[in-house]
Amino acid sequence: MSVFVSLLGAVMLWYLLDKKVVKEQVFTLDVDHVAEGDVWPQVPGLYLRIPNGLAYQSVKPDRVDVLVEGTAEHLARLEDTLRGQFDVPEDFLGGEPFCTKDLVVDQAFSFPAREAMPGLRIVSPGTITLTLSRRMEFMLSLDASNLEFEDAKMAESVDVRFSPSSVRVYGPVRGIDLLQSRPDLFKLAQIDARNFENALRSGLSARARHRRFLEDNDALKNLEVVNDTITITFERREKFIERVLENVEVMHLIPAEARPEGLDPDSPLSIDPPAVTLRLKVPESYFAADRTEASLRRDLDVYVDLGDMPSSVHAARLEPRVHGLPAGASCVVEPALIDVVWNIPDVDTEGGAPESDSQ
């Protein structure tokens, strides 16, 4: 019995002494960052608190081995709790748009465990390299280039509207500068053929929260977008057919107040050229009702409005007007200007008065 008691006492003594023996243990900690105003995470890691005026760009390496010296009792308490904290100063950039600095881990970071357990020694054999940038933000206006269509032909067949029409993007100045010059690098949503056709048939709008920047560009990876839901509305775009109508007669419109005295009653005007060429883009739907190119020619009138001519002159170059265009159609007239002359006997076409009978 006495031998057992002695043995038990020896084990207890060894256990208690072992708890007081200084030992070493390596903890592998991930390096991460939090925003100003956020509370420090309570899980293991090395954490950088970034001021609101600065934007996180990169840190290397993103995982660090930290050697801790302390008693067995203290080391046991550190399991799943060891963390370091570093408040990045506001003047980190020193007036530059971005800056890279080396931080000695065991000097720059504070460790709550070291303060709570006197005698604990925390040593890191190296540094981390931190790159920060001036934080910027801007409103990115959305258009069809910010969508990823499964088939490019889908984008060609519709007009796209967004509500709201822009999103707020913020982050490092380099990424913002790039995105301002290439807004198509931001992708709001992926549009597949099935959902696209359903939306068109039912007239429904799509709502999107999916968003990303193109992954092959490191400058964009730390940009963030305010997480508003965007409503996307598709409207099928009208297809157009091009037509060229040649030798279309130019007619004239003479308002009563524009008619000068002494006009030749048989030929009040000289128009040059008397006919023009029309280059048209006409909605495909125009021809759906058995209309032809001949129908189009009959529907159109090309004329010059003499009300456009200053009253003090008898000759001018006027822009021809086109009446009767189908809804949604566009037209280019060649030539773009028509020479028009009032036919008044004994009047100088440069605008002079009639010659006197006595001369």
Protein backbone atom coordinates (compact mmCIF):
# COMPACT_ATOMS: atom_id res chain seq x y z
CA MET A 1 0.00 0.00 0.00
CA SER A 2 2.80 2.41 0.86
CA VAL A 3 4.48 1.62 -2.46
CA PHE A 4 1.27 2.51 -4.31
CA VAL A 5 0.93 5.78 -2.42
CA SER A 6 4.55 6.64 -3.16
CA LEU A 7 4.09 5.85 -6.84
CA LEU A 8 0.91 7.91 -7.02
CA GLY A 9 2.70 10.82 -5.35
CA ALA A 10 5.54 10.63 -7.84
CA VAL A 11 3.10 10.70 -10.79
CA MET A 12 1.31 13.72 -9.35
CA LEU A 13 4.60 15.50 -8.75
CA TRP A 14 5.76 14.75 -12.29
CA TYR A 15 2.43 16.03 -13.67
CA LEU A 16 2.56 19.24 -11.68
CA LEU A 17 6.20 19.88 -12.57
CA ASP A 18 5.52 19.17 -16.24
CA LYS A 19 2.78 21.78 -16.27
CA LYS A 20 5.38 24.35 -15.20
CA VAL A 21 8.14 23.31 -17.62
CA VAL A 22 8.76 25.82 -20.43
CA LYS A 23 8.08 24.26 -23.83
CA GLU A 24 7.87 25.36 -27.45
CA GLN A 25 5.03 24.92 -29.94
CA VAL A 26 4.51 26.16 -33.50
CA PHE A 27 1.10 27.57 -34.43
CA THR A 28 0.24 28.09 -38.12
CA LEU A 29 -1.95 31.18 -38.48
CA ASP A 30 -3.81 32.55 -41.53
CA VAL A 31 -3.38 36.26 -42.26
CA ASP A 32 -6.63 38.16 -42.85
CA HIS A 33 -8.01 41.69 -42.65
CA VAL A 34 -11.02 43.44 -41.14
CA ALA A 35 -12.53 46.85 -41.75
CA GLU A 36 -12.35 49.80 -39.42
CA GLY A 37 -15.17 49.51 -36.89
CA ASP A 38 -15.33 45.72 -37.06
CA VAL A 39 -14.64 43.77 -33.86
CA TRP A 40 -11.54 41.60 -33.76
CA PRO A 41 -12.36 37.99 -34.74
CA GLN A 42 -12.18 35.53 -31.86
CA VAL A 43 -10.71 32.69 -33.91
CA PRO A 44 -7.00 31.96 -34.49
CA GLY A 45 -5.19 34.14 -37.04
CA LEU A 46 -3.23 37.29 -37.71
CA TYR A 47 -5.62 40.18 -38.36
CA LEU A 48 -5.00 43.58 -39.95
CA ARG A 49 -7.54 46.34 -39.27
CA ILE A 50 -7.71 48.60 -42.35
CA PRO A 51 -8.81 52.27 -41.95
CA ASN A 52 -11.80 53.33 -44.04
CA GLY A 53 -9.67 55.62 -46.19
CA LEU A 54 -7.44 52.73 -47.30
CA ALA A 55 -8.18 49.64 -49.37
CA TYR A 56 -6.67 46.19 -48.92
CA GLN A 57 -4.74 44.99 -51.95
CA SER A 58 -2.56 42.01 -50.93
CA VAL A 59 -0.55 40.37 -48.17
CA LYS A 60 2.24 37.82 -48.63
CA PRO A 61 2.49 35.20 -47.32
CA ASP A 62 -1.11 34.57 -46.35
CA ARG A 63 -0.09 32.00 -43.68
CA VAL A 64 2.61 32.34 -41.02
CA ASP A 65 4.24 29.93 -38.55
CA VAL A 66 4.44 31.48 -35.06
CA LEU A 67 6.68 29.93 -32.40
CA VAL A 68 5.33 30.20 -28.86
CA GLU A 69 7.38 29.51 -25.71
CA GLY A 70 5.52 28.89 -22.47
CA THR A 71 4.48 26.34 -19.93
CA ALA A 72 2.54 23.27 -20.96
CA GLU A 73 -0.46 24.70 -19.16
CA HIS A 74 -0.32 27.95 -21.11
CA LEU A 75 0.29 26.23 -24.44
CA ALA A 76 -2.74 24.01 -23.86
CA ARG A 77 -4.88 27.11 -23.32
CA LEU A 78 -3.72 28.56 -26.65
CA GLU A 79 -5.22 25.79 -28.79
CA ASP A 80 -7.73 27.38 -31.21
CA THR A 81 -7.35 30.80 -29.52
CA LEU A 82 -4.02 32.30 -30.58
CA ARG A 83 -4.49 35.48 -32.58
CA GLY A 84 -2.52 38.61 -33.36
CA GLN A 85 -3.86 42.10 -34.10
CA PHE A 86 -2.41 45.07 -35.98
CA ASP A 87 -4.12 48.44 -36.44
CA VAL A 88 -2.87 49.86 -39.75
CA PRO A 89 -2.10 53.58 -39.26
CA GLU A 90 -3.98 56.17 -41.32
CA ASP A 91 -0.71 57.48 -42.80
CA PHE A 92 0.41 54.06 -44.07
CA LEU A 93 0.57 55.35 -47.68
CA GLY A 94 2.59 58.46 -46.87
CA GLY A 95 0.73 60.45 -49.52
CA GLU A 96 1.20 57.88 -52.31
CA PRO A 97 -1.71 56.21 -54.17
CA PHE A 98 -0.52 52.80 -52.93
CA CYS A 99 2.32 51.47 -50.78
CA THR A 100 3.98 48.17 -49.83
CA LYS A 101 5.61 47.64 -46.43
CA ASP A 102 7.15 44.75 -44.50
CA LEU A 103 5.78 44.05 -41.00
CA VAL A 104 7.81 42.05 -38.48
CA VAL A 105 5.13 39.77 -37.06
CA ASP A 106 6.26 39.47 -33.44
CA GLN A 107 6.88 43.24 -33.23
CA ALA A 108 4.00 44.74 -35.22
CA PHE A 109 1.20 42.51 -33.94
CA SER A 110 -0.18 42.55 -30.44
CA PHE A 111 -1.28 39.21 -29.00
CA PRO A 112 -4.01 39.22 -26.32
CA ALA A 113 -2.67 35.90 -25.04
CA ARG A 114 0.71 37.45 -24.30
CA GLU A 115 -0.99 40.07 -22.14
CA ALA A 116 -3.21 37.53 -20.38
CA MET A 117 -0.42 35.04 -19.62
CA PRO A 118 2.77 36.74 -18.39
CA GLY A 119 5.89 34.80 -19.29
CA LEU A 120 4.48 33.68 -22.64
CA ARG A 121 6.95 34.41 -25.44
CA ILE A 122 5.69 34.72 -29.02
CA VAL A 123 8.27 34.69 -31.81
CA SER A 124 7.84 34.75 -35.58
CA PRO A 125 10.93 34.04 -37.70
CA GLY A 126 9.88 36.34 -40.53
CA THR A 127 7.78 39.20 -41.88
CA ILE A 128 4.65 39.70 -43.91
CA THR A 129 4.50 42.10 -46.86
CA LEU A 130 1.37 44.26 -46.87
CA THR A 131 0.19 46.32 -49.86
CA LEU A 132 -2.56 48.89 -49.39
CA SER A 133 -4.06 51.48 -51.70
CA ARG A 134 -6.01 54.66 -51.40
CA ARG A 135 -9.69 53.71 -51.22
CA MET A 136 -11.90 55.08 -53.98
CA GLU A 137 -15.47 54.57 -55.08
CA PHE A 138 -17.60 55.47 -58.09
CA MET A 139 -20.99 54.74 -59.64
CA LEU A 140 -20.75 52.20 -62.45
CA SER A 141 -23.48 52.67 -65.09
CA LEU A 142 -24.84 49.31 -66.25
CA ASP A 143 -25.48 48.17 -69.82
CA ALA A 144 -25.69 44.91 -71.75
CA SER A 145 -21.88 44.50 -71.65
CA ASN A 146 -22.21 43.82 -67.89
CA LEU A 147 -24.17 40.63 -68.56
CA GLU A 148 -22.75 37.24 -69.51
CA PHE A 149 -25.02 35.82 -72.22
CA GLU A 150 -24.85 32.10 -72.88
CA ASP A 151 -25.20 32.90 -76.58
CA ALA A 152 -23.92 36.20 -77.98
CA LYS A 153 -26.86 36.32 -80.40
CA MET A 154 -29.22 36.82 -77.45
CA ALA A 155 -27.57 40.15 -76.67
CA GLU A 156 -27.97 41.27 -80.28
CA SER A 157 -31.71 40.65 -80.25
CA VAL A 158 -32.77 42.68 -77.19
CA ASP A 159 -32.53 46.04 -75.51
CA VAL A 160 -31.68 45.78 -71.81
CA ARG A 161 -32.73 48.10 -68.97
CA PHE A 162 -31.48 48.03 -65.37
CA SER A 163 -33.17 49.35 -62.25
CA PRO A 164 -31.35 50.93 -60.59
CA SER A 165 -29.21 51.81 -63.60
CA SER A 166 -25.89 51.88 -61.71
CA VAL A 167 -24.08 50.27 -58.78
CA ARG A 168 -21.55 51.67 -56.32
CA VAL A 169 -18.12 50.08 -56.55
CA TYR A 170 -15.30 50.72 -54.11
CA GLY A 171 -11.80 49.46 -53.51
CA PRO A 172 -8.13 50.06 -54.43
CA VAL A 173 -7.42 53.02 -56.70
CA ARG A 174 -5.72 50.85 -59.36
CA GLY A 175 -8.80 48.65 -59.71
CA ILE A 176 -11.15 51.63 -59.82
CA ASP A 177 -9.06 53.32 -62.52
CA LEU A 178 -9.12 50.14 -64.61
CA LEU A 179 -12.87 49.63 -64.17
CA GLN A 180 -13.62 53.23 -65.13
CA SER A 181 -11.82 52.67 -68.43
CA ARG A 182 -13.21 49.11 -68.92
CA PRO A 183 -16.66 48.90 -67.25
CA ASP A 184 -17.37 45.66 -69.17
CA LEU A 185 -14.93 43.86 -66.83
CA PHE A 186 -17.72 43.81 -64.23
CA LYS A 187 -20.28 41.06 -64.79
CA LEU A 188 -23.60 41.40 -63.01
CA ALA A 189 -25.38 38.20 -64.02
CA GLN A 190 -25.27 35.13 -66.27
CA ILE A 191 -28.16 34.85 -68.74
CA ASP A 192 -28.89 31.38 -70.07
CA ALA A 193 -31.11 30.63 -73.05
CA ARG A 194 -33.97 29.06 -71.09
CA ASN A 195 -34.48 31.87 -68.61
CA PHE A 196 -33.96 34.42 -71.35
CA GLU A 197 -36.78 33.05 -73.52
CA ASN A 198 -39.12 32.69 -70.53
CA ALA A 199 -38.53 36.31 -69.59
CA LEU A 200 -39.25 37.50 -73.13
CA ARG A 201 -42.46 35.47 -73.49
CA SER A 202 -43.91 36.46 -70.14
CA GLY A 203 -42.64 40.01 -70.07
CA LEU A 204 -41.06 39.37 -66.67
CA SER A 205 -37.92 40.96 -65.37
CA ALA A 206 -34.96 39.10 -63.93
CA ARG A 207 -33.51 39.97 -60.52
CA ALA A 208 -29.78 39.54 -60.05
CA ARG A 209 -27.44 39.36 -57.10
CA HIS A 210 -24.76 37.33 -58.84
CA ARG A 211 -21.80 39.54 -59.59
CA ARG A 212 -18.12 39.12 -60.26
CA PHE A 213 -15.12 40.70 -61.90
CA LEU A 214 -13.19 38.86 -64.58
CA GLU A 215 -10.92 36.49 -62.69
CA ASP A 216 -7.88 36.93 -64.92
CA ASN A 217 -7.24 40.45 -63.71
CA ASP A 218 -5.55 40.80 -60.31
CA ALA A 219 -6.19 44.55 -60.17
CA LEU A 220 -9.94 43.89 -59.82
CA LYS A 221 -9.98 41.09 -57.24
CA ASN A 222 -10.32 43.38 -54.19
CA LEU A 223 -13.07 45.60 -55.57
CA GLU A 224 -16.44 45.35 -53.86
CA VAL A 225 -19.97 46.16 -54.99
CA VAL A 226 -22.77 47.39 -52.75
CA ASN A 227 -25.12 44.40 -52.60
CA ASP A 228 -28.34 45.86 -53.99
CA THR A 229 -30.71 43.71 -56.03
CA ILE A 230 -30.80 44.81 -59.66
CA THR A 231 -33.92 44.35 -61.83
CA ILE A 232 -33.05 43.49 -65.45
CA THR A 233 -35.72 43.98 -68.14
CA PHE A 234 -35.36 42.59 -71.66
CA GLU A 235 -37.24 43.98 -74.66
CA ARG A 236 -36.93 42.23 -77.99
CA ARG A 237 -35.17 44.50 -80.45
CA GLU A 238 -36.79 45.11 -83.82
CA LYS A 239 -34.88 43.65 -86.76
CA PHE A 240 -34.21 46.02 -89.63
CA ILE A 241 -33.94 45.53 -93.37
CA GLU A 242 -31.86 47.87 -95.50
CA ARG A 243 -33.29 49.23 -98.73
CA VAL A 244 -31.96 51.73 -101.29
CA LEU A 245 -34.47 53.69 -103.37
CA GLU A 246 -33.00 55.57 -106.29
CA ASN A 247 -34.44 58.41 -108.41
CA VAL A 248 -37.02 59.50 -105.86
CA GLU A 249 -38.56 62.76 -107.08
CA VAL A 250 -38.04 65.89 -104.96
CA MET A 251 -41.26 67.88 -104.57
CA HIS A 252 -41.74 71.31 -103.01
CA LEU A 253 -43.86 72.90 -100.31
CA ILE A 254 -44.46 76.65 -100.63
CA PRO A 255 -46.16 78.26 -97.62
CA ALA A 256 -48.27 81.27 -98.61
CA GLU A 257 -46.17 83.64 -96.51
CA ALA A 258 -42.97 82.43 -98.19
CA ARG A 259 -44.17 83.02 -101.80
CA PRO A 260 -42.45 86.09 -103.30
CA GLU A 261 -44.13 88.34 -105.86
CA GLY A 262 -43.57 87.90 -109.54
CA LEU A 263 -43.11 84.10 -109.65
CA ASP A 264 -43.26 82.37 -113.00
CA PRO A 265 -46.73 80.76 -112.73
CA ASP A 266 -45.78 77.80 -114.91
CA SER A 267 -42.46 77.03 -113.19
CA PRO A 268 -42.10 78.81 -109.82
CA LEU A 269 -38.95 76.86 -108.80
CA SER A 270 -35.79 75.29 -110.12
CA ILE A 271 -34.66 72.26 -108.09
CA ASP A 272 -31.28 70.60 -108.58
CA PRO A 273 -31.05 67.64 -108.46
CA PRO A 274 -34.70 66.88 -109.22
CA ALA A 275 -34.40 63.38 -107.72
CA VAL A 276 -32.42 61.83 -104.86
CA THR A 277 -31.34 58.46 -103.47
CA LEU A 278 -32.80 57.21 -100.15
CA ARG A 279 -30.85 54.77 -97.98
CA LEU A 280 -33.36 53.24 -95.57
CA LYS A 281 -33.37 50.97 -92.53
CA VAL A 282 -36.92 49.66 -92.22
CA PRO A 283 -38.31 47.44 -89.41
CA GLU A 284 -38.81 43.89 -90.59
CA SER A 285 -42.40 44.09 -89.36
CA TYR A 286 -43.20 46.64 -92.12
CA PHE A 287 -42.87 43.95 -94.77
CA ALA A 288 -44.82 41.38 -92.74
CA ALA A 289 -48.14 42.70 -94.09
CA ASP A 290 -47.41 41.91 -97.77
CA ARG A 291 -45.69 45.24 -98.32
CA THR A 292 -42.96 45.45 -100.94
CA GLU A 293 -40.29 47.89 -102.00
CA ALA A 294 -42.84 49.40 -104.38
CA SER A 295 -45.21 49.95 -101.44
CA LEU A 296 -42.43 51.70 -99.59
CA ARG A 297 -41.72 53.99 -102.54
CA ARG A 298 -45.42 54.94 -102.78
CA ASP A 299 -45.59 55.71 -99.04
CA LEU A 300 -42.66 58.14 -99.09
CA ASP A 301 -42.56 61.78 -100.15
CA VAL A 302 -39.34 63.78 -100.43
CA TYR A 303 -39.72 67.57 -100.51
CA VAL A 304 -38.05 70.88 -99.80
CA ASP A 305 -39.87 73.39 -97.62
CA LEU A 306 -39.50 76.90 -99.05
CA GLY A 307 -40.38 78.25 -95.64
CA ASP A 308 -36.78 77.32 -94.75
CA MET A 309 -35.43 79.86 -97.27
CA PRO A 310 -34.65 83.35 -95.91
CA SER A 311 -37.04 85.90 -97.39
CA SER A 312 -34.17 88.17 -98.44
CA VAL A 313 -32.72 85.71 -100.96
CA HIS A 314 -33.96 84.07 -104.12
CA ALA A 315 -31.62 81.04 -104.08
CA ALA A 316 -30.46 78.70 -101.33
CA ARG A 317 -29.38 75.16 -100.54
CA LEU A 318 -32.09 73.40 -98.52
CA GLU A 319 -32.12 70.13 -96.63
CA PRO A 320 -34.66 67.69 -98.12
CA ARG A 321 -37.34 66.33 -95.83
CA VAL A 322 -38.87 62.85 -95.92
CA HIS A 323 -42.55 62.22 -95.10
CA GLY A 324 -44.22 58.83 -94.64
CA LEU A 325 -41.38 56.84 -93.05
CA PRO A 326 -42.60 53.65 -91.31
CA ALA A 327 -42.48 53.79 -87.50
CA GLY A 328 -38.98 53.09 -86.28
CA ALA A 329 -37.39 53.50 -89.72
CA SER A 330 -34.41 55.75 -90.43
CA CYS A 331 -33.32 57.39 -93.66
CA VAL A 332 -30.28 59.05 -95.22
CA VAL A 333 -30.85 61.29 -98.24
CA GLU A 334 -28.16 61.65 -100.91
CA PRO A 335 -27.29 64.40 -101.65
CA ALA A 336 -27.90 66.01 -98.27
CA LEU A 337 -28.63 69.50 -99.72
CA ILE A 338 -30.75 70.59 -102.70
CA ASP A 339 -30.15 73.75 -104.74
CA VAL A 340 -33.41 75.73 -104.93
CA VAL A 341 -33.97 78.92 -107.00
CA TRP A 342 -37.14 81.03 -107.25
CA ASN A 343 -38.05 81.55 -110.89
CA ILE A 344 -38.77 85.28 -111.01
CA PRO A 345 -38.27 87.00 -114.37
CA ASP A 346 -35.52 89.68 -114.36
CA VAL A 347 -34.34 88.77 -110.79
CA ASP A 348 -30.68 88.13 -110.02
CA THR A 349 -30.42 84.68 -108.41
CA GLU A 350 -27.86 86.06 -105.97
CA GLY A 351 -30.67 88.02 -104.35
CA GLY A 352 -30.61 91.26 -106.35
CA ALA A 353 -33.72 93.33 -107.21
CA PRO A 354 -35.47 93.25 -110.63
CA GLU A 355 -33.82 95.35 -113.25
CA SER A 356 -35.53 98.71 -114.01
CA ASP A 357 -37.37 99.04 -117.32
CA SER A 358 -35.54 102.32 -117.94
CA GLN A 359 -32.15 100.61 -117.91
